[in-house]
Protein backbone atom coordinates (compact mmCIF):
# COMPACT_ATOMS: atom_id res chain seq x y z
CA UNK A 1 -60.47 97.12 -2.79
CA UNK A 2 -58.27 100.22 -2.51
CA UNK A 3 -56.38 100.77 0.83
CA UNK A 4 -54.49 104.13 0.65
CA UNK A 5 -52.46 104.05 -2.46
CA UNK A 6 -52.64 100.32 -2.78
CA UNK A 7 -55.16 98.35 -4.95
CA UNK A 8 -55.82 94.91 -3.10
CA UNK A 9 -57.78 92.03 -4.54
CA UNK A 10 -58.50 88.58 -3.41
CA UNK A 11 -55.52 87.15 -5.23
CA UNK A 12 -53.19 89.56 -3.23
CA UNK A 13 -54.70 88.34 0.08
CA UNK A 14 -54.28 84.74 -0.92
CA UNK A 15 -50.76 85.34 -2.02
CA UNK A 16 -49.82 86.98 1.31
CA UNK A 17 -51.49 84.26 3.24
CA UNK A 18 -49.74 81.42 1.40
CA UNK A 19 -46.41 83.17 1.79
CA UNK A 20 -47.04 83.67 5.50
CA UNK A 21 -47.87 79.92 5.86
CA UNK A 22 -44.65 78.96 3.99
CA UNK A 23 -42.51 81.22 6.07
CA UNK A 24 -44.02 79.94 9.32
CA UNK A 25 -43.42 76.26 8.28
CA UNK A 26 -39.79 77.01 7.37
CA UNK A 27 -39.29 78.85 10.54
CA UNK A 28 -40.84 75.88 12.55
CA UNK A 29 -38.28 73.61 10.90
CA UNK A 30 -35.20 75.60 11.76
CA UNK A 31 -36.46 76.99 15.16
CA UNK A 32 -34.08 76.34 18.02
CA UNK A 33 -31.00 75.91 15.77
CA UNK A 34 -28.17 78.11 14.48
CA UNK A 35 -29.96 78.10 11.13
CA UNK A 36 -32.87 80.05 12.43
CA UNK A 37 -30.69 83.04 13.04
CA UNK A 38 -29.45 82.83 9.42
CA UNK A 39 -33.14 82.56 8.13
CA UNK A 40 -34.24 85.62 10.16
CA UNK A 41 -31.14 87.55 8.99
CA UNK A 42 -31.88 86.71 5.35
CA UNK A 43 -35.53 87.50 5.72
CA UNK A 44 -34.60 90.94 7.21
CA UNK A 45 -32.30 91.66 4.26
CA UNK A 46 -34.95 90.56 1.74
CA UNK A 47 -37.60 92.87 3.27
CA UNK A 48 -35.04 95.71 3.23
CA UNK A 49 -34.42 94.94 -0.46
CA UNK A 50 -38.12 95.18 -1.28
CA UNK A 51 -38.32 98.55 0.47
CA UNK A 52 -35.33 99.90 -1.40
CA UNK A 53 -36.68 98.72 -4.68
CA UNK A 54 -40.05 100.16 -3.88
CA UNK A 55 -38.23 103.58 -3.24
CA UNK A 56 -36.55 103.45 -6.64
CA UNK A 57 -32.95 103.47 -5.27
CA UNK A 58 -31.33 101.89 -8.38
CA UNK A 59 -27.73 101.46 -7.19
CA UNK A 60 -28.56 99.97 -3.74
CA UNK A 61 -31.33 97.80 -5.45
CA UNK A 62 -28.65 96.41 -7.73
CA UNK A 63 -26.23 95.55 -4.98
CA UNK A 64 -28.89 93.88 -2.84
CA UNK A 65 -30.25 92.04 -5.83
CA UNK A 66 -26.83 90.59 -6.42
CA UNK A 67 -26.50 89.65 -2.79
CA UNK A 68 -29.91 87.89 -2.86
CA UNK A 69 -28.88 85.87 -5.86
CA UNK A 70 -25.69 84.67 -4.27
CA UNK A 71 -27.48 84.32 -0.85
CA UNK A 72 -30.00 81.91 -2.37
CA UNK A 73 -27.21 79.42 -3.26
CA UNK A 74 -25.69 79.86 0.22
CA UNK A 75 -29.03 79.18 1.90
CA UNK A 76 -29.30 75.90 -0.09
CA UNK A 77 -26.00 74.80 1.44
CA UNK A 78 -26.65 76.04 4.97
CA UNK A 79 -30.15 74.67 5.13
CA UNK A 80 -29.62 71.38 3.38
CA UNK A 81 -30.66 69.26 6.38
CA UNK A 82 -33.82 71.45 6.82
CA UNK A 83 -34.66 71.34 3.16
CA UNK A 84 -34.35 67.56 3.21
CA UNK A 85 -36.63 67.42 6.27
CA UNK A 86 -39.17 69.63 4.63
CA UNK A 87 -39.29 67.59 1.42
CA UNK A 88 -39.69 64.48 3.43
CA UNK A 89 -42.70 65.82 5.26
CA UNK A 90 -44.27 66.94 1.92
CA UNK A 91 -43.61 63.45 0.47
CA UNK A 92 -45.13 61.72 3.39
CA UNK A 93 -48.25 63.87 3.38
CA UNK A 94 -48.87 63.32 -0.36
CA UNK A 95 -48.25 59.61 -0.91
CA UNK A 96 -51.48 57.66 -1.53
CA UNK A 97 -50.86 55.52 1.77
CA UNK A 98 -51.53 58.69 3.83
CA UNK A 99 -54.35 59.93 1.80
CA UNK A 100 -57.69 58.99 3.41
CA UNK A 101 -59.68 58.86 0.08
CA UNK A 102 -57.17 56.82 -1.84
CA UNK A 103 -56.85 54.52 1.10
CA UNK A 104 -60.47 53.75 0.73
CA UNK A 105 -60.19 53.13 -2.83
CA UNK A 106 -56.96 51.08 -2.90
CA UNK A 107 -57.17 49.46 0.52
CA UNK A 108 -55.85 50.00 3.98
CA UNK A 109 -52.30 48.71 4.40
CA UNK A 110 -52.08 49.19 8.20
CA UNK A 111 -50.85 46.03 9.81
CA UNK A 112 -52.89 43.81 12.06
CA UNK A 113 -50.32 43.75 14.86
CA UNK A 114 -51.94 41.00 16.84
CA UNK A 115 -51.25 38.73 13.96
CA UNK A 116 -47.73 40.10 13.26
CA UNK A 117 -45.86 38.97 16.31
CA UNK A 118 -45.66 42.33 18.11
CA UNK A 119 -45.69 40.40 21.40
CA UNK A 120 -42.59 38.47 20.21
CA UNK A 121 -40.80 41.77 19.47
CA UNK A 122 -41.70 43.31 22.73
CA UNK A 123 -40.74 40.20 24.77
CA UNK A 124 -37.39 39.98 22.94
CA UNK A 125 -36.71 43.70 23.59
CA UNK A 126 -37.14 43.24 27.33
CA UNK A 127 -34.70 40.23 27.37
CA UNK A 128 -32.15 42.09 25.29
CA UNK A 129 -32.60 45.20 27.60
CA UNK A 130 -31.98 43.04 30.70
CA UNK A 131 -28.91 41.51 29.11
CA UNK A 132 -27.33 44.88 28.11
CA UNK A 133 -26.49 43.67 24.72
CA UNK A 134 -28.05 46.67 22.79
CA UNK A 135 -30.33 46.44 19.71
CA UNK A 136 -31.77 48.32 16.83
CA UNK A 137 -35.16 47.13 15.51
CA UNK A 138 -37.02 48.67 12.66
CA UNK A 139 -40.76 47.94 12.26
CA UNK A 140 -42.41 49.22 9.03
CA UNK A 141 -45.61 51.15 8.91
CA UNK A 142 -46.44 52.09 5.36
CA UNK A 143 -43.20 53.31 3.62
CA UNK A 144 -41.27 50.98 1.37
CA UNK A 145 -38.00 49.92 3.31
CA UNK A 146 -36.54 47.84 0.38
CA UNK A 147 -33.42 49.98 -0.14
CA UNK A 148 -32.54 49.66 3.63
CA UNK A 149 -33.20 45.86 3.61
CA UNK A 150 -30.77 45.49 0.74
CA UNK A 151 -27.87 46.88 2.91
CA UNK A 152 -27.97 43.85 5.20
CA UNK A 153 -28.16 40.14 5.27
CA UNK A 154 -31.53 38.96 3.84
CA UNK A 155 -33.30 36.49 6.12
CA UNK A 156 -37.10 36.35 5.31
CA UNK A 157 -37.61 34.63 8.57
CA UNK A 158 -40.64 34.38 10.98
CA UNK A 159 -40.35 36.68 13.90
CA UNK A 160 -39.67 35.01 17.12
CA UNK A 161 -38.33 36.10 20.50
CA UNK A 162 -35.34 33.39 20.48
CA UNK A 163 -34.47 34.48 16.95
CA UNK A 164 -34.30 38.20 17.86
CA UNK A 165 -32.39 37.63 21.10
CA UNK A 166 -29.84 35.39 19.30
CA UNK A 167 -29.31 38.00 16.50
CA UNK A 168 -28.27 40.55 19.04
CA UNK A 169 -26.07 38.25 20.99
CA UNK A 170 -22.57 39.75 21.26
CA UNK A 171 -21.15 36.57 19.65
CA UNK A 172 -23.50 36.69 16.69
CA UNK A 173 -22.01 37.75 13.30
CA UNK A 174 -25.25 39.63 12.56
CA UNK A 175 -25.47 41.65 15.90
CA UNK A 176 -23.99 44.86 14.29
CA UNK A 177 -26.47 47.22 12.56
CA UNK A 178 -30.17 46.96 12.59
CA UNK A 179 -32.78 44.35 11.85
CA UNK A 180 -35.81 45.23 9.62
CA UNK A 181 -39.24 43.77 10.08
CA UNK A 182 -41.75 44.27 7.27
CA UNK A 183 -45.50 43.17 7.67
CA UNK A 184 -44.37 40.75 10.43
CA UNK A 185 -41.54 39.12 8.57
CA UNK A 186 -37.88 39.62 9.61
CA UNK A 187 -36.68 40.68 6.31
CA UNK A 188 -32.87 41.32 7.09
CA UNK A 189 -30.25 41.76 9.74
CA UNK A 190 -27.15 43.82 9.97
CA UNK A 191 -28.79 46.62 7.95
CA UNK A 192 -27.24 50.03 7.46
CA UNK A 193 -29.45 53.03 8.45
CA UNK A 194 -29.11 56.72 7.77
CA UNK A 195 -27.66 58.60 10.74
CA UNK A 196 -29.29 61.87 12.07
CA UNK A 197 -26.58 64.53 12.18
CA UNK A 198 -28.41 67.80 12.48
CA UNK A 199 -27.43 70.50 14.94
CA UNK A 200 -30.43 69.68 16.97
CA UNK A 201 -29.33 66.19 17.69
CA UNK A 202 -27.82 65.90 21.17
CA UNK A 203 -24.06 65.32 21.05
CA UNK A 204 -24.52 62.85 24.05
CA UNK A 205 -26.40 60.42 21.79
CA UNK A 206 -24.50 57.30 20.63
CA UNK A 207 -24.36 56.06 17.03
CA UNK A 208 -27.11 53.50 17.64
CA UNK A 209 -29.60 56.17 18.69
CA UNK A 210 -28.61 58.58 15.96
CA UNK A 211 -29.22 55.83 13.45
CA UNK A 212 -32.73 55.23 14.98
CA UNK A 213 -33.47 58.95 14.66
CA UNK A 214 -32.21 59.06 11.17
CA UNK A 215 -34.25 56.08 10.00
CA UNK A 216 -37.49 57.39 11.58
CA UNK A 217 -36.83 60.75 10.02
CA UNK A 218 -36.32 59.28 6.55
CA UNK A 219 -39.35 56.89 6.83
CA UNK A 220 -42.50 56.51 8.74
CA UNK A 221 -41.23 53.27 10.51
CA UNK A 222 -40.91 53.05 14.20
CA UNK A 223 -37.52 52.16 15.63
CA UNK A 224 -36.86 50.37 18.84
CA UNK A 225 -33.43 51.16 20.15
CA UNK A 226 -31.91 49.57 23.20
CA UNK A 227 -28.91 50.97 24.90
CA UNK A 228 -25.96 48.64 25.45
CA UNK A 229 -24.79 50.86 28.43
CA UNK A 230 -27.96 51.44 30.35
CA UNK A 231 -30.31 48.75 29.06
CA UNK A 232 -33.06 51.43 28.59
CA UNK A 233 -35.53 51.14 25.70
CA UNK A 234 -36.28 54.16 23.45
CA UNK A 235 -38.64 54.56 20.38
CA UNK A 236 -37.74 56.76 17.48
CA UNK A 237 -40.61 58.23 15.50
CA UNK A 238 -40.61 61.00 12.87
CA UNK A 239 -36.99 61.99 13.77
CA UNK A 240 -37.89 62.31 17.42
CA UNK A 241 -36.44 59.92 20.27
CA UNK A 242 -38.71 59.02 23.09
CA UNK A 243 -36.41 57.81 25.72
CA UNK A 244 -36.67 55.36 28.71
CA UNK A 245 -40.06 53.72 27.65
CA UNK A 246 -41.42 51.53 30.48
CA UNK A 247 -41.88 47.85 29.69
CA UNK A 248 -45.62 48.12 30.60
CA UNK A 249 -46.14 50.86 27.91
CA UNK A 250 -43.85 49.56 25.09
CA UNK A 251 -46.31 47.35 23.36
CA UNK A 252 -49.19 49.79 23.49
CA UNK A 253 -47.22 52.67 22.38
CA UNK A 254 -45.95 50.74 19.35
CA UNK A 255 -49.40 49.40 18.41
CA UNK A 256 -51.05 52.76 18.71
CA UNK A 257 -48.50 54.36 16.40
CA UNK A 258 -48.59 51.65 13.79
CA UNK A 259 -52.33 51.43 13.70
CA UNK A 260 -53.02 55.25 13.70
CA UNK A 261 -53.50 57.40 10.64
CA UNK A 262 -51.42 60.13 12.27
CA UNK A 263 -47.68 60.05 12.16
CA UNK A 264 -46.80 61.44 15.49
CA UNK A 265 -45.98 59.32 18.57
CA UNK A 266 -48.91 58.91 20.98
CA UNK A 267 -48.21 60.62 24.26
């Protein structure tokens, strides 16, 4: 098909569509941050470069081409957090546990929460919140959490309310850090979690809440975080923090997320 002086075929249409989708996804990741301005500025310069190259302005094209090459390296440095987040999203969407067809072939690994002591976790969270001792509890969904388990003290214990409450007692040697629960088993305590440090993370958040966001961004686990100052319970999922969860909704919201095929927190 010919449009004016351009020859357009189906491959050109597909190319433009895929590039548009990619640019939209990148902009969605950086939207609302300082990086979004850098992205739009770089995009404008690139479009200008294509126009100049099309007009055959050799000297200006050479200058802009050099700038684009150096700028690509600068973008990797500037957008390192966004690139990491983008690759995590791709990885989570392509692993076999998130693929519907492969799950049917290889089996569904979603937990049967009623048999995995969710009630014990919720009851312990309520008690810890009322005692204002603070806590960080990681509950796995599908991703392998072994490398985070190895950072703490291995326990391999049955989940129970008394055990969870005692671990986060201020006099316990294991109260610092997070506990990680995998398939209903308390694997380890005093674990070190990755900390969210992006520009979109509110500066008012404490270290415990940042760790919860970082862990939920790096994996598909749900993280229960209890504030030591306010006693409020929050849930971190997919790098987002859902604050001040009512006791009456806590169990249902955790169960819905862990039993769902989608990765977003139920509203």
